[in-house]
Amino acid sequence: MNDTAHLDKGPELTVNAHREHEIKTLKVRVKELEFDCAELQKLNSELDDRVKKLANRPQKGYTPRRHVPNDQNGYKRKSIG
């Protein structure tokens, strides 16, 4: 009778072992994702500082040009003003 009682616990032990293994696997995955998230936050902070620095830098050498359309013969019109 004790043998049958022991055999009845077999599937229960297997299910518990499977759950424990799954929990350990998920904990490892969470730690990996937390580490990846921390790295991305650090990189984002560095890039944010760089963008702010570049945005505040004055631009050199750019002068917008006024478009002067051509007339029917292909000559440029004289700009007014």
N, C-alpha and C. Protein backbone atom coordinates (compact mmCIF):
# COMPACT_ATOMS: atom_id res chain seq x y z
N MET A 1 0.80 -1.18 0.00
CA MET A 1 0.00 0.00 0.00
C MET A 1 0.86 1.27 0.00
N ASN A 2 1.98 1.22 0.69
CA ASN A 2 2.89 2.35 0.68
C ASN A 2 3.48 2.57 -0.71
N ASP A 3 3.68 1.49 -1.45
CA ASP A 3 4.24 1.62 -2.80
C ASP A 3 3.29 2.38 -3.72
N THR A 4 2.01 2.12 -3.62
CA THR A 4 1.05 2.83 -4.48
C THR A 4 0.94 4.29 -4.07
N ALA A 5 1.03 4.57 -2.79
CA ALA A 5 0.98 5.96 -2.33
C ALA A 5 2.19 6.72 -2.87
N HIS A 6 3.35 6.07 -2.89
CA HIS A 6 4.55 6.71 -3.42
C HIS A 6 4.42 6.95 -4.92
N LEU A 7 3.84 6.01 -5.64
CA LEU A 7 3.67 6.17 -7.07
C LEU A 7 2.67 7.26 -7.41
N ASP A 8 1.70 7.47 -6.55
CA ASP A 8 0.71 8.51 -6.80
C ASP A 8 1.34 9.91 -6.74
N LYS A 9 2.41 10.08 -6.01
CA LYS A 9 3.06 11.38 -5.90
C LYS A 9 4.01 11.67 -7.07
N GLY A 10 4.25 10.70 -7.92
CA GLY A 10 5.18 10.86 -9.04
C GLY A 10 4.83 12.01 -9.98
N PRO A 11 3.64 12.05 -10.53
CA PRO A 11 3.29 13.15 -11.43
C PRO A 11 3.29 14.50 -10.72
N GLU A 12 2.90 14.48 -9.43
CA GLU A 12 2.88 15.72 -8.67
C GLU A 12 4.30 16.27 -8.50
N LEU A 13 5.24 15.38 -8.22
CA LEU A 13 6.64 15.81 -8.09
C LEU A 13 7.18 16.32 -9.41
N THR A 14 6.80 15.67 -10.50
CA THR A 14 7.25 16.10 -11.82
C THR A 14 6.74 17.49 -12.15
N VAL A 15 5.48 17.74 -11.85
CA VAL A 15 4.90 19.06 -12.11
C VAL A 15 5.59 20.12 -11.26
N ASN A 16 5.84 19.83 -9.99
CA ASN A 16 6.52 20.79 -9.12
C ASN A 16 7.95 21.05 -9.60
N ALA A 17 8.64 20.02 -10.01
CA ALA A 17 10.00 20.18 -10.52
C ALA A 17 10.00 21.03 -11.78
N HIS A 18 9.02 20.79 -12.63
CA HIS A 18 8.91 21.58 -13.87
C HIS A 18 8.65 23.05 -13.54
N ARG A 19 7.78 23.31 -12.57
CA ARG A 19 7.48 24.70 -12.18
C ARG A 19 8.71 25.37 -11.60
N GLU A 20 9.45 24.67 -10.77
CA GLU A 20 10.66 25.24 -10.18
C GLU A 20 11.68 25.57 -11.26
N HIS A 21 11.84 24.68 -12.22
CA HIS A 21 12.77 24.95 -13.32
C HIS A 21 12.31 26.15 -14.14
N GLU A 22 11.02 26.25 -14.39
CA GLU A 22 10.48 27.36 -15.15
C GLU A 22 10.68 28.68 -14.40
N ILE A 23 10.49 28.66 -13.10
CA ILE A 23 10.68 29.87 -12.28
C ILE A 23 12.14 30.30 -12.32
N LYS A 24 13.06 29.36 -12.20
CA LYS A 24 14.49 29.70 -12.25
C LYS A 24 14.85 30.30 -13.62
N THR A 25 14.33 29.69 -14.68
CA THR A 25 14.59 30.19 -16.03
C THR A 25 14.05 31.60 -16.20
N LEU A 26 12.86 31.85 -15.70
CA LEU A 26 12.26 33.18 -15.82
C LEU A 26 13.02 34.22 -15.00
N LYS A 27 13.53 33.83 -13.83
CA LYS A 27 14.32 34.76 -13.03
C LYS A 27 15.60 35.17 -13.74
N VAL A 28 16.24 34.20 -14.39
CA VAL A 28 17.46 34.49 -15.16
C VAL A 28 17.13 35.45 -16.30
N ARG A 29 16.01 35.20 -16.98
CA ARG A 29 15.60 36.06 -18.11
C ARG A 29 15.30 37.48 -17.64
N VAL A 30 14.65 37.61 -16.49
CA VAL A 30 14.34 38.94 -15.94
C VAL A 30 15.63 39.69 -15.63
N LYS A 31 16.62 39.00 -15.05
CA LYS A 31 17.90 39.66 -14.76
C LYS A 31 18.59 40.13 -16.04
N GLU A 32 18.54 39.31 -17.09
CA GLU A 32 19.12 39.71 -18.37
C GLU A 32 18.42 40.94 -18.93
N LEU A 33 17.11 40.95 -18.86
CA LEU A 33 16.35 42.09 -19.39
C LEU A 33 16.58 43.35 -18.56
N GLU A 34 16.71 43.22 -17.25
CA GLU A 34 17.01 44.37 -16.41
C GLU A 34 18.38 44.94 -16.75
N PHE A 35 19.36 44.08 -17.01
CA PHE A 35 20.70 44.54 -17.39
C PHE A 35 20.65 45.25 -18.73
N ASP A 36 19.94 44.66 -19.71
CA ASP A 36 19.81 45.30 -21.03
C ASP A 36 19.12 46.65 -20.92
N CYS A 37 18.10 46.73 -20.08
CA CYS A 37 17.39 47.99 -19.87
C CYS A 37 18.31 49.05 -19.27
N ALA A 38 19.12 48.67 -18.31
CA ALA A 38 20.06 49.61 -17.69
C ALA A 38 21.07 50.12 -18.71
N GLU A 39 21.57 49.23 -19.56
CA GLU A 39 22.52 49.65 -20.60
C GLU A 39 21.86 50.62 -21.57
N LEU A 40 20.63 50.35 -21.96
CA LEU A 40 19.92 51.24 -22.89
C LEU A 40 19.65 52.60 -22.26
N GLN A 41 19.33 52.62 -20.98
CA GLN A 41 19.10 53.90 -20.31
C GLN A 41 20.38 54.73 -20.26
N LYS A 42 21.51 54.07 -20.01
CA LYS A 42 22.80 54.77 -19.97
C LYS A 42 23.13 55.33 -21.35
N LEU A 43 22.96 54.50 -22.38
CA LEU A 43 23.24 54.95 -23.75
C LEU A 43 22.32 56.09 -24.14
N ASN A 44 21.05 56.00 -23.78
CA ASN A 44 20.09 57.04 -24.10
C ASN A 44 20.49 58.36 -23.44
N SER A 45 20.95 58.30 -22.21
CA SER A 45 21.38 59.50 -21.50
C SER A 45 22.59 60.14 -22.19
N GLU A 46 23.54 59.31 -22.59
CA GLU A 46 24.73 59.82 -23.28
C GLU A 46 24.35 60.46 -24.61
N LEU A 47 23.48 59.81 -25.36
CA LEU A 47 23.08 60.36 -26.65
C LEU A 47 22.24 61.62 -26.48
N ASP A 48 21.43 61.68 -25.44
CA ASP A 48 20.63 62.87 -25.16
C ASP A 48 21.52 64.07 -24.90
N ASP A 49 22.58 63.86 -24.10
CA ASP A 49 23.54 64.94 -23.84
C ASP A 49 24.23 65.38 -25.12
N ARG A 50 24.58 64.43 -25.97
CA ARG A 50 25.26 64.76 -27.23
C ARG A 50 24.34 65.54 -28.17
N VAL A 51 23.07 65.15 -28.24
CA VAL A 51 22.12 65.86 -29.10
C VAL A 51 21.93 67.29 -28.62
N LYS A 52 21.83 67.47 -27.30
CA LYS A 52 21.68 68.83 -26.76
C LYS A 52 22.90 69.67 -27.10
N LYS A 53 24.08 69.09 -27.00
CA LYS A 53 25.31 69.82 -27.30
C LYS A 53 25.36 70.21 -28.78
N LEU A 54 24.99 69.27 -29.65
CA LEU A 54 25.01 69.56 -31.08
C LEU A 54 23.92 70.56 -31.47
N ALA A 55 22.78 70.51 -30.81
CA ALA A 55 21.68 71.42 -31.14
C ALA A 55 22.03 72.86 -30.77
N ASN A 56 22.84 73.05 -29.75
CA ASN A 56 23.19 74.40 -29.31
C ASN A 56 24.40 74.96 -30.03
N ARG A 57 25.05 74.15 -30.85
CA ARG A 57 26.23 74.60 -31.58
C ARG A 57 25.80 75.45 -32.77
N PRO A 58 26.43 76.61 -32.99
CA PRO A 58 26.05 77.43 -34.13
C PRO A 58 26.47 76.77 -35.45
N GLN A 59 25.64 76.95 -36.46
CA GLN A 59 25.95 76.38 -37.77
C GLN A 59 26.84 77.34 -38.54
N LYS A 60 27.80 76.78 -39.26
CA LYS A 60 28.73 77.60 -40.04
C LYS A 60 28.58 77.29 -41.52
N GLY A 61 28.70 78.31 -42.33
CA GLY A 61 28.77 78.12 -43.77
C GLY A 61 27.44 77.93 -44.48
N TYR A 62 26.34 78.05 -43.80
CA TYR A 62 25.06 77.88 -44.47
C TYR A 62 24.42 79.23 -44.67
N THR A 63 24.15 79.56 -45.93
CA THR A 63 23.41 80.78 -46.23
C THR A 63 22.27 80.42 -47.16
N PRO A 64 21.06 80.63 -46.74
CA PRO A 64 19.93 80.30 -47.61
C PRO A 64 19.93 81.19 -48.84
N ARG A 65 19.61 80.63 -49.98
CA ARG A 65 19.59 81.38 -51.23
C ARG A 65 18.15 81.60 -51.68
N ARG A 66 17.94 82.74 -52.26
CA ARG A 66 16.62 83.07 -52.76
C ARG A 66 16.48 82.50 -54.16
N HIS A 67 15.39 81.82 -54.41
CA HIS A 67 15.16 81.22 -55.72
C HIS A 67 14.67 82.29 -56.69
N VAL A 68 15.38 82.42 -57.82
CA VAL A 68 14.98 83.35 -58.87
C VAL A 68 14.56 82.51 -60.07
N PRO A 69 13.28 82.49 -60.42
CA PRO A 69 12.83 81.65 -61.54
C PRO A 69 13.28 82.20 -62.89
N ASN A 70 13.38 81.31 -63.87
CA ASN A 70 13.74 81.70 -65.24
C ASN A 70 12.49 82.15 -65.99
N ASP A 71 12.71 83.04 -66.98
CA ASP A 71 11.57 83.43 -67.82
C ASP A 71 11.42 82.42 -68.96
N GLN A 72 10.59 82.69 -69.93
CA GLN A 72 10.30 81.72 -70.99
C GLN A 72 11.51 81.41 -71.86
N ASN A 73 12.45 82.34 -72.01
CA ASN A 73 13.63 82.14 -72.85
C ASN A 73 14.79 81.51 -72.10
N GLY A 74 14.64 81.25 -70.81
CA GLY A 74 15.69 80.61 -70.06
C GLY A 74 16.60 81.57 -69.34
N TYR A 75 16.32 82.88 -69.47
CA TYR A 75 17.15 83.86 -68.77
C TYR A 75 16.63 84.08 -67.35
N LYS A 76 17.56 84.33 -66.48
CA LYS A 76 17.15 84.60 -65.11
C LYS A 76 16.62 86.02 -65.02
N ARG A 77 15.56 86.14 -64.29
CA ARG A 77 14.99 87.46 -64.07
C ARG A 77 15.82 88.18 -63.03
N LYS A 78 15.79 89.47 -63.08
CA LYS A 78 16.48 90.24 -62.06
C LYS A 78 15.64 90.22 -60.81
N SER A 79 16.32 89.94 -59.70
CA SER A 79 15.57 89.90 -58.45
C SER A 79 15.24 91.31 -58.00
N ILE A 80 14.11 91.42 -57.37
CA ILE A 80 13.67 92.72 -56.87
C ILE A 80 13.96 92.73 -55.37
N GLY A 81 14.67 93.73 -54.94
CA GLY A 81 14.91 93.92 -53.51
C GLY A 81 16.04 93.23 -53.04
